[in-house]
Structures are given as C-alpha cells and as structure tokens.
C-alpha cells in the first residue's frame, strides 16, 4: 500500500532535518530520519529509504570537504563496515518491526546519553578503528543508524572538527553505496519506498543550504546541545509509536 499524504510530509520533514544536520556536522542524517520515517512508513522501509536519500546527503558533504578526510582512518572504518553490513541485512530480514523500532530508539538514546555525559573511551588503536567500522556496518543495514560507534571513536581520537565531518561523511557515502547494493540483493525495495524517496528528495538540497548557513553562524557547543535534544525527541517519538500502536 502506498504511503499516505501525511506520511510523505513526515518523510520530507525528516529528510530536511537530517540534511540540515548532515551539512552542518557531517553526521546526524540517519539519527533524525530513521526514527521519524519509521513512524511514517514502517521501520524496515525507513532503513532502506534513509539509505537512498542519505547517499545524496553524505556524498555531497564528502565531496565538498574531501581535502579534510583522514584517509587511513576512513579506510579502516570502511574495511570493518563492509564485513558488518551483510550481518546487519540478515538481522533486518529476521526481526519483526516493533523490536526493530525499539532497537532504533535505544541506539539513539544510548548515544545521546553517552555524548551528554561527556564520556570518552581510551585512545583507540587501529584494531578498534576496524571494530567500530564493523559495528557501524551492522547497524547500517539492520536499523539504519550507523553513526554512534564512529562518532564515539572520532571523539576519542580528538579529531578536529573539519576532519571529523569529512571523514565520517566519506565513510557513510561509500558504505551507503554498498548498503544499497545489499538491499537490492535482499529484495528490500518496494513501491512505497521509491514513492517516498521521489517525493522527499527535493527536501535534501533545502536542508543542505540551511545547514551550510548554520555552520557559519551556530557555535559548536550550541549545536551539540541541539543534536542531543533532537536525538531524544526522535527516539521518544519512535518508542511512543510502539507502545501506542
């Protein structure tokens, strides 16, 4: 069944918000879009839909700031991610929708809690880089939110802002292509997914432009608080939809 007009509006708003955060920081697209899309079109469709539109957003950031990318770290993250993504797809195919919604919400809330607490793990090794990439890959194709392990890793490394944004966007852009291929192999594309993607895609450049403007005007600490607030709100919406549906 095709998504309703209201559901398409929610998807477009989610894409706009996610693109804005992505353009501003290099991450945050899936953290915002997947929980909201899960309410509108279902969690499994949301994972695939976010991957389609997110490829545009992440690729734009990666190309624009490619000179700032930490290529060795990005390569190790990608190596782990490639191994983890097929396992994530298996999880997506085997788990029912409500547990998947709860998993999405818990990942978002856990990440927000760690970031709010200012927790920093010990300085990571190269093996930890690969491990973080593996976890990111599993999350990418299972619940569509691949950022938490990578965000925490780059924070632990003390990665400067420009390199943080470019490196994480580069990883997600390349991993996004691989994820879309795996979704095709797993027959995850539906008419409703393509319809929602076509309708929502125009919201991406609008969010991109706003994010680029905010990047120049919003202090980094204020943006960090904004991201945390949005993460909690979106996760709460997802949990609400599970227990009231």
Foldseek 3Di string as FASTA:
>chain_A
DAFDPVLLVQQLVLLLVLLLVCLQFQDRSQLRRQLSNCLRPNQLLSLLLSLVLLLVSLVVLQVVLVVLAPVVLLVLLLQLLVVQQVLLLVLQVPDDGLVLLLVSLVLLLVLLVCVVVVDADAQDDSVLSSVLSNQLNSCNNNRNHSPRSLVNNCVNNVPDRSNSNNSSSVNSNVSSVVSNVVCVVVVSDDPNSVVSNVSNNVSNVVSNVNNNVVSVPPDPVVVSVVSSVSSNVSSVSSNCSSVVD
